[in-house]
Amino acid sequence: MPSNKMPNEMAVGSYLAQRLKELGCNQAFGVPGDYVLGICDLLIEGGVQWVGCSNELNAGYAADGYARVNGIGCACVTYGVGALSLMNACAGAHAENVPVVIICGSPKTSAYDPRSPIKLHHTIPGDLHAEQRAFAGFTAAAPLIDNLETAAEMIDEALTTCIRLSKPVYLEIPLHDVAMAACPGAGERLARSPTSSWPLVQPHDDEAGAAAVRAAVEMVAHASRPAILVGAEVCRVDAQPAVRRLAGMLRVPVATTRHGKSAVEEGGTICAGVYQGKLSRTVVKEYIEGADVLLKIGSLHTDFDYLSAQCGEGQATVSTNLCGVSLTHASQPETEATWFKPVAIVPFVNALCDALRERHGDAAREDEARDKPTKHTEPKDKAEGCSAWGGARAAAVAALEHQLAFDAEKPSSPSEALTANGFLHAVGRWLHNQPLPVTLLADTGDALIAAGDMPLRPVDMFLSQAFYASIGYTVPAAVGVALAHRNALEHKPPKHHVVPGDDEQGPRRVVTLVGDGAFQMTAQAVATSIANKLPITYVILNNRGDSIERAIHEGPSYNNYNDIPEWRYSSLLHAFGQPPGEGFSAAAQTVGELDAALTRADESRFRHATNLIEVRVAREDLSDALVQFGQFLKAKAGLK
């Protein structure tokens, strides 16, 4: 039951719950432990739903997935064994700029004195600050909240930092003498400083921003072949409208990195497809690498995304991301870039559009209906637009042609054995026929590498951990994603949250593509999905091993480290407690069996339940994309 305490009698833990609720974080993922049990009670009493997980790593991944959709997520664990088990998930959120709040209940403040004669369980004897120091390397803030007088202020500062910088924060709170104690001035602070008044946008300096725009507009205005490449950070700061505006003004389509797939809607007239270096479709590769000025928006230059890319070679770049704005001229290495900080993505892109409009006047029209690249006729001369058309228009047209070809491709026979390539095409066609929007998650391995070229509809979302690439991430992350979509329907999200495509038709379907090796890392999360009645369909690609590692380097046949135990995947839903008739399991080895399983998943009794489909392919079967990807990483690692 919710607490009946008056605001001014509010405990520190209750104050934290209230702030999380204000920010739209209505769920906390965690594992209970004796140092955090009281905080769990206070969160629940404050209206934050507790979502119990099988282990702390899964809780961290689930909070990460929730945050990518909801704008902020929360994991709650006990000191020592709990928090340290979650650290890998925290590191991934930090690497990928995901705003997750990690709450750790800890021993009483007197225990932090190294002279204390009592050695407490779950602790590192003599140094209770070790955990806080460890998390400081993976977070934007890691305060030990051990002073009641400053507790509320420290909580507010950490939460503001979490959202402004789009990074995880770690709050270590001694349970008995802080978390459960009265928080001085809590009621007055809540009334005086609601979260709606907080500065929750990316840090931005007007003078630095103006200087960046002046330098960038000279480069862009003189470009004959500009191109736009966007990454996942566009989603973190809601920069999609600004990107569409710039694309319309320049009359060019937008390509995304693999990490940023669906950052601009696919299947429409603006997205040219996914640029992934040598794995790119030819027309996308030529569009990006043939540009004389490349505008990189929210895109990190990672090896997974760019894969022996040649973009940036001999071309000028204008890059804006969470670190600021950087400019390089043709043939100038990125290490010698000119930086402007702090400059936020959205104000910079919008100011660049304003500067281009002022410079070109009517030539820089922003009429979206007219400027969609695939609808516009080629200009008679350069004066009709900001840039030459040619290859940019071809890239946009080819994106739609690729989607049509993908949809039209049919397997030859239902009895044909499934392959990694065929499996992805079958799932892609099924997704295109879904009545509601879909959020697709792809785990590191064949699912992620090959899914880059799987076209989506404009209403669909794609999520992955394509940079940090911790295998098994998507299984619990899907739980967080599904709950975030449910949260968007049940609660009105604050202004800084963006949940595209959710409406009153019902919650999105969440589909997770995951290899068998990755699934075995975090499989217990399926039980959490069942317990919370979530509409997740797990599709497991079973080739009896870690395919991405095999693609890089195969182990010795007599003791192969890439092989894994064979599981009976179709029995897992029953083992994880799913009631009869609520969801189904299936195993498919042929095209016909997979089509039948996907059709069954569309039945009304299964559409909003947890389902599991095992796709069995040959041990040596890898998608064409993964084979190329493995060869690149093998050469990079110097393996024979």
Foldseek 3Di string as FASTA:
>chain_A
DADPDDQQQDALLLLLLLQCVLQLAQEEEEADDPLCVVSVVSNVNNRRHYQYFPALCLRLLQQQLLQLFFVEGEYEYEAAVRVVRNVLSLQLQQVVLAQYEYEYRYAAPVLQQLVDPDDDPNADRSHNCVSLVVCVVRWPERDEQRDLQCSSVVSVVRNLCSQQLSHYYYYYYHRPPHRGGRRHPRVVCCVVDPVVNGPRHHDADPVLLVVLLVVVLVQLLPWAQEAEEEASQCSSFVQQVLVLQLCLLQLFAYEYFLRRPLSAFFPDQRYLAYAAAPLDDPLVLCSQQVTQEYEYEQDDPFCRRHVNHNHQAQHWYWYQHSQAIWTDHGPGDPVPTDGRPDHHRNVNSVVSLVVNCVVLPPLRDRPSVASRNQPHDFDPDCNNHSHHRPSRSVSSVVSNVLQVVLLPDDDPDQFAFDFLVNVLSLVLNLQAPDPAEEEEEEAPAQRSQVCRRRTHGRQYHYHYSSHSRDQLSVLSSLVSNQVSQVSVVVDPRPPSRDNGRRDPVDGHAYEYEHEPVSCVVRVSSLLSQLVVQARYEYEYEYQQFRRLVVLQPFDDPVDTPGGDDDDPVQCVCVVSPHDPQFEHEEEDGGNNRVNVVSVVCPPPSNRGGYYYYYYYDHNNGGDPSSNSVSVSVNVVVVHD
